[in-house]
């Protein structure tokens, strides 16, 4: 099975699939390949701690299953599954799927790794709505076992079962969900984080106390403000704004003035050195 364009490819290549990583430039592909090699070394260090030779063989076999290309159209001719993981922008994703749809074999399944956009809207940019679904992986992909498999009203049962089987084949635990905003995890997680922001905006509690409360009281590894900074405030704003446009009367999707202000000031979280917290 050949796969085009998934942000984290290690799990597929390591499970014996033939993988083609597609990106915009050779420079980006070199960085991605280096990242995959480093990830493999970390995995083998734990998995083959007492068998270094077996670990080296595992890395070699995995990398043999992986090739790269800057030409998605040329590669898509020989694919069974295309997994898209580009920028979280519906227009850009639609353009890519529409272009690949013209050249992909009839049997090829298209899937998106989107975490917030509706799969149906992406599928409508192609002529293969019945061979289109969602495959939402979670970071860090080599460590996180979950994959959300999204079935739209147009996704065929055969396609859905193929996506579930693929998820299992790469060592993941698939859960299924209809094409609802945010699917399962983000549909619960994002409103939780936004409610924490509203709690802070109203002056009911400090962000520090809210984070401590959720870590010690709910057993979460990170508090909501720590998590927002980790995810990226611009990403969180993009998600909540998109959902608000779909369901403007849903209070769970109400925008946050404070979040909007921080994004406008380019304080996006850890990646910029400041968000709700400051980072060195």
Protein backbone atom coordinates (compact mmCIF):
# COMPACT_ATOMS: atom_id res chain seq x y z
CA UNK A 1 0.00 0.00 0.00
CA UNK A 2 1.35 3.43 -0.90
CA UNK A 3 0.42 6.51 1.06
CA UNK A 4 0.77 10.16 0.09
CA UNK A 5 1.16 12.97 2.63
CA UNK A 6 0.82 12.24 6.30
CA UNK A 7 2.55 14.47 8.76
CA UNK A 8 3.88 11.62 10.88
CA UNK A 9 4.79 8.62 8.74
CA UNK A 10 6.86 6.48 11.07
CA UNK A 11 3.99 4.26 12.21
CA UNK A 12 2.97 3.39 8.65
CA UNK A 13 6.48 2.70 7.35
CA UNK A 14 7.37 0.73 10.48
CA UNK A 15 4.36 -1.54 9.98
CA UNK A 16 5.52 -2.57 6.51
CA UNK A 17 3.56 -0.16 4.31
CA UNK A 18 5.21 1.55 1.37
CA UNK A 19 5.05 5.25 2.16
CA UNK A 20 5.65 8.32 0.02
CA UNK A 21 6.02 11.61 1.88
CA UNK A 22 5.03 14.57 -0.27
CA UNK A 23 5.81 18.18 0.55
CA UNK A 24 6.50 21.48 -1.18
CA UNK A 25 10.31 21.43 -1.30
CA UNK A 26 13.31 19.13 -1.00
CA UNK A 27 14.50 21.19 1.97
CA UNK A 28 11.30 20.51 3.89
CA UNK A 29 11.46 16.83 2.96
CA UNK A 30 15.05 16.57 4.22
CA UNK A 31 14.01 18.06 7.57
CA UNK A 32 11.02 15.72 7.74
CA UNK A 33 13.15 12.67 6.94
CA UNK A 34 15.68 13.67 9.58
CA UNK A 35 12.86 14.03 12.10
CA UNK A 36 11.58 10.56 11.22
CA UNK A 37 15.05 9.07 11.64
CA UNK A 38 15.44 10.72 15.05
CA UNK A 39 12.00 9.48 16.07
CA UNK A 40 12.93 5.94 15.02
CA UNK A 41 16.12 6.09 17.05
CA UNK A 42 14.16 7.11 20.15
CA UNK A 43 11.66 4.31 19.61
CA UNK A 44 14.32 1.64 19.05
CA UNK A 45 16.30 2.79 22.06
CA UNK A 46 13.35 1.79 24.24
CA UNK A 47 11.94 -1.08 22.18
CA UNK A 48 15.27 -2.78 21.48
CA UNK A 49 17.26 -1.74 24.54
CA UNK A 50 18.85 -5.19 24.90
CA UNK A 51 19.05 -5.92 21.16
CA UNK A 52 20.87 -3.06 19.39
CA UNK A 53 21.37 -5.10 16.21
CA UNK A 54 17.64 -5.77 15.95
CA UNK A 55 17.02 -2.07 16.51
CA UNK A 56 19.36 -1.12 13.69
CA UNK A 57 17.64 -3.62 11.40
CA UNK A 58 14.23 -2.19 12.34
CA UNK A 59 15.36 1.32 11.41
CA UNK A 60 16.85 0.13 8.13
CA UNK A 61 13.70 -1.75 7.09
CA UNK A 62 11.46 1.15 8.06
CA UNK A 63 13.46 3.70 6.09
CA UNK A 64 13.46 1.40 3.05
CA UNK A 65 9.66 1.67 3.07
CA UNK A 66 9.86 5.46 2.94
CA UNK A 67 10.51 7.64 -0.09
CA UNK A 68 9.89 11.33 -0.71
CA UNK A 69 8.59 13.50 -3.54
CA UNK A 70 7.62 17.09 -4.29
CA UNK A 71 5.19 16.01 -7.02
CA UNK A 72 1.94 14.73 -5.52
CA UNK A 73 0.31 14.28 -8.91
CA UNK A 74 3.10 12.00 -10.15
CA UNK A 75 3.00 9.88 -7.01
CA UNK A 76 -0.77 9.55 -6.65
CA UNK A 77 -1.03 7.36 -9.77
CA UNK A 78 0.12 4.31 -7.78
CA UNK A 79 -1.54 4.86 -4.40
CA UNK A 80 -4.13 2.89 -2.48
CA UNK A 81 -4.58 5.50 0.26
CA UNK A 82 -3.93 9.25 0.34
CA UNK A 83 -3.76 10.83 3.79
CA UNK A 84 -3.68 14.62 3.72
CA UNK A 85 -2.10 16.53 6.62
CA UNK A 86 -1.43 20.01 5.25
CA UNK A 87 -2.32 23.41 6.74
CA UNK A 88 -5.71 23.53 8.48
CA UNK A 89 -7.38 25.62 5.76
CA UNK A 90 -10.42 24.26 3.95
CA UNK A 91 -9.85 26.13 0.70
CA UNK A 92 -6.25 24.91 0.40
CA UNK A 93 -7.23 21.35 1.29
CA UNK A 94 -10.07 21.40 -1.25
CA UNK A 95 -7.71 22.57 -3.98
CA UNK A 96 -5.30 19.72 -3.22
CA UNK A 97 -7.99 17.03 -3.14
CA UNK A 98 -9.60 18.34 -6.33
CA UNK A 99 -6.26 18.18 -8.14
CA UNK A 100 -5.31 14.72 -6.86
CA UNK A 101 -8.78 13.36 -7.62
CA UNK A 102 -8.14 13.83 -11.34
CA UNK A 103 -5.08 11.57 -11.33
CA UNK A 104 -5.66 9.01 -8.56
CA UNK A 105 -6.81 5.48 -9.47
CA UNK A 106 -10.52 4.84 -9.09
CA UNK A 107 -10.00 2.52 -6.10
CA UNK A 108 -7.81 4.99 -4.15
CA UNK A 109 -9.24 6.12 -0.82
CA UNK A 110 -8.78 9.74 0.24
CA UNK A 111 -8.56 10.64 3.94
CA UNK A 112 -7.90 13.84 5.84
CA UNK A 113 -6.06 14.20 9.14
CA UNK A 114 -7.99 17.40 9.90
CA UNK A 115 -8.83 18.01 13.54
CA UNK A 116 -11.55 20.62 13.07
CA UNK A 117 -12.88 20.84 9.50
CA UNK A 118 -15.86 18.86 8.26
CA UNK A 119 -14.90 15.83 6.19
CA UNK A 120 -18.05 16.16 4.07
CA UNK A 121 -17.00 19.58 2.80
CA UNK A 122 -13.58 18.21 1.84
CA UNK A 123 -15.09 15.15 0.16
CA UNK A 124 -17.38 17.37 -1.92
CA UNK A 125 -14.33 18.78 -3.70
CA UNK A 126 -13.81 15.34 -5.28
CA UNK A 127 -15.76 12.81 -7.33
CA UNK A 128 -15.11 10.02 -4.82
CA UNK A 129 -17.28 10.98 -1.85
CA UNK A 130 -17.92 7.28 -1.17
CA UNK A 131 -14.15 6.67 -0.98
CA UNK A 132 -13.44 9.55 1.38
CA UNK A 133 -13.19 9.61 5.18
CA UNK A 134 -11.34 11.07 8.12
CA UNK A 135 -8.26 9.65 9.84
CA UNK A 136 -7.39 11.91 12.75
CA UNK A 137 -4.12 10.94 14.46
CA UNK A 138 -2.94 12.45 17.75
CA UNK A 139 0.45 13.93 18.64
CA UNK A 140 2.95 12.56 19.31
CA UNK A 141 1.81 9.96 16.76
CA UNK A 142 4.39 7.26 17.61
CA UNK A 143 3.23 7.34 21.25
CA UNK A 144 -0.50 8.07 21.04
CA UNK A 145 -2.56 4.97 20.25
CA UNK A 146 -5.81 6.67 19.28
CA UNK A 147 -7.09 7.32 15.76
CA UNK A 148 -10.52 8.81 15.09
CA UNK A 149 -12.06 7.29 11.95
CA UNK A 150 -14.69 9.62 10.52
CA UNK A 151 -17.53 8.37 8.35
CA UNK A 152 -19.59 10.89 6.42
CA UNK A 153 -23.11 10.11 5.16
CA UNK A 154 -21.49 9.40 1.77
CA UNK A 155 -18.60 7.21 2.97
CA UNK A 156 -19.18 3.62 1.89
CA UNK A 157 -19.05 0.84 4.47
CA UNK A 158 -16.19 -0.73 2.52
CA UNK A 159 -14.17 2.49 2.74
CA UNK A 160 -14.91 2.86 6.43
CA UNK A 161 -13.83 -0.70 7.16
CA UNK A 162 -10.65 -0.20 5.11
CA UNK A 163 -9.75 2.86 7.19
CA UNK A 164 -10.41 0.97 10.42
CA UNK A 165 -8.29 -1.96 9.20
CA UNK A 166 -5.47 0.39 8.22
CA UNK A 167 -5.54 2.03 11.65
CA UNK A 168 -5.21 -1.35 13.32
CA UNK A 169 -2.47 -2.41 10.89
CA UNK A 170 -0.30 0.53 11.97
CA UNK A 171 -0.79 -0.35 15.62
CA UNK A 172 -3.47 2.15 16.55
CA UNK A 173 -6.78 1.84 18.39
CA UNK A 174 -9.51 3.26 16.13
CA UNK A 175 -12.73 4.84 17.36
CA UNK A 176 -15.49 5.89 14.98
CA UNK A 177 -17.46 9.10 14.86
CA UNK A 178 -19.88 10.83 12.52
CA UNK A 179 -18.83 14.03 10.76
CA UNK A 180 -19.60 16.37 13.66
CA UNK A 181 -17.44 19.44 14.44
CA UNK A 182 -14.31 18.35 16.33
CA UNK A 183 -15.27 14.67 16.18
CA UNK A 184 -14.94 13.16 19.70
CA UNK A 185 -11.78 14.39 21.41
CA UNK A 186 -11.65 17.99 20.20
CA UNK A 187 -15.43 18.38 20.49
CA UNK A 188 -15.01 17.78 24.23
CA UNK A 189 -11.54 19.27 24.68
CA UNK A 190 -11.85 22.65 22.93
CA UNK A 191 -15.07 23.76 24.73
CA UNK A 192 -13.42 22.68 28.02
CA UNK A 193 -10.43 24.92 27.29
CA UNK A 194 -12.66 27.80 26.20
CA UNK A 195 -14.76 27.54 29.36
CA UNK A 196 -11.54 27.79 31.38
CA UNK A 197 -10.72 31.02 29.52
CA UNK A 198 -14.20 32.39 30.26
CA UNK A 199 -13.80 31.47 33.94
CA UNK A 200 -10.58 33.49 33.97
CA UNK A 201 -12.10 36.36 31.95
CA UNK A 202 -14.89 36.73 34.50
CA UNK A 203 -12.33 36.94 37.30
CA UNK A 204 -13.71 33.84 39.02
CA UNK A 205 -10.27 32.23 39.35
CA UNK A 206 -6.69 32.80 38.24
CA UNK A 207 -5.30 30.85 35.30
CA UNK A 208 -2.68 29.36 37.61
CA UNK A 209 -5.29 28.06 40.05
CA UNK A 210 -7.45 26.72 37.23
CA UNK A 211 -4.48 24.77 35.85
CA UNK A 212 -3.56 23.39 39.28
CA UNK A 213 -7.19 22.46 39.99
CA UNK A 214 -7.57 20.46 36.79
CA UNK A 215 -4.24 18.68 37.25
CA UNK A 216 -4.75 17.76 40.88
CA UNK A 217 -8.54 17.51 40.92
CA UNK A 218 -9.22 15.87 37.56
CA UNK A 219 -5.88 14.13 37.11
CA UNK A 220 -5.11 15.85 33.80
CA UNK A 221 -1.40 15.97 32.85
CA UNK A 222 -1.72 19.62 31.79
CA UNK A 223 -4.04 22.41 32.83
CA UNK A 224 -6.23 24.10 30.17
CA UNK A 225 -4.04 27.20 29.86
CA UNK A 226 -0.88 25.13 29.63
CA UNK A 227 -2.58 23.04 26.96
CA UNK A 228 -3.76 26.09 25.02
CA UNK A 229 -0.21 27.43 24.94
CA UNK A 230 1.07 24.02 23.83
CA UNK A 231 -1.49 23.66 21.04
CA UNK A 232 -1.10 27.26 19.88
CA UNK A 233 -3.59 30.05 20.55
CA UNK A 234 -3.96 30.75 16.84
CA UNK A 235 -4.90 27.12 16.22
CA UNK A 236 -7.45 27.16 19.03
CA UNK A 237 -8.93 30.43 17.77
CA UNK A 238 -9.15 29.06 14.22
CA UNK A 239 -11.02 26.00 15.47
CA UNK A 240 -13.49 27.85 17.68
CA UNK A 241 -14.13 30.52 15.02
CA UNK A 242 -14.91 27.81 12.47
CA UNK A 243 -17.32 26.04 14.78
CA UNK A 244 -18.95 29.34 15.75
CA UNK A 245 -19.65 30.07 12.07
CA UNK A 246 -21.34 26.66 11.76
CA UNK A 247 -23.36 26.95 14.98
CA UNK A 248 -23.49 30.66 15.97
CA UNK A 249 -26.09 30.06 18.68
CA UNK A 250 -24.12 27.34 20.46
CA UNK A 251 -22.69 28.91 23.66
CA UNK A 252 -19.93 26.28 23.75
CA UNK A 253 -18.53 27.79 20.55
CA UNK A 254 -18.65 31.44 21.63
CA UNK A 255 -15.42 33.36 20.80
CA UNK A 256 -13.22 34.73 23.58
CA UNK A 257 -12.19 38.43 23.59
CA UNK A 258 -9.04 37.58 25.56
CA UNK A 259 -8.01 34.79 23.19
CA UNK A 260 -8.65 37.07 20.21
CA UNK A 261 -6.51 39.81 21.79
CA UNK A 262 -3.56 37.49 22.45
CA UNK A 263 -3.65 36.17 18.89
CA UNK A 264 -3.82 39.71 17.51
CA UNK A 265 -0.71 40.54 19.58
CA UNK A 266 1.04 37.45 18.13
CA UNK A 267 1.25 35.88 21.58
CA UNK A 268 0.46 32.39 20.34
CA UNK A 269 1.86 30.22 23.14
CA UNK A 270 5.05 28.22 23.45
CA UNK A 271 6.02 28.60 19.79
CA UNK A 272 6.30 32.40 20.15
CA UNK A 273 7.60 32.46 23.72
CA UNK A 274 4.42 33.91 25.20
CA UNK A 275 0.74 33.08 25.34
CA UNK A 276 -1.20 32.85 28.56
CA UNK A 277 2.21 32.22 30.14
CA UNK A 278 5.70 33.45 29.28
CA UNK A 279 8.41 31.01 28.19
CA UNK A 280 12.17 31.47 28.11
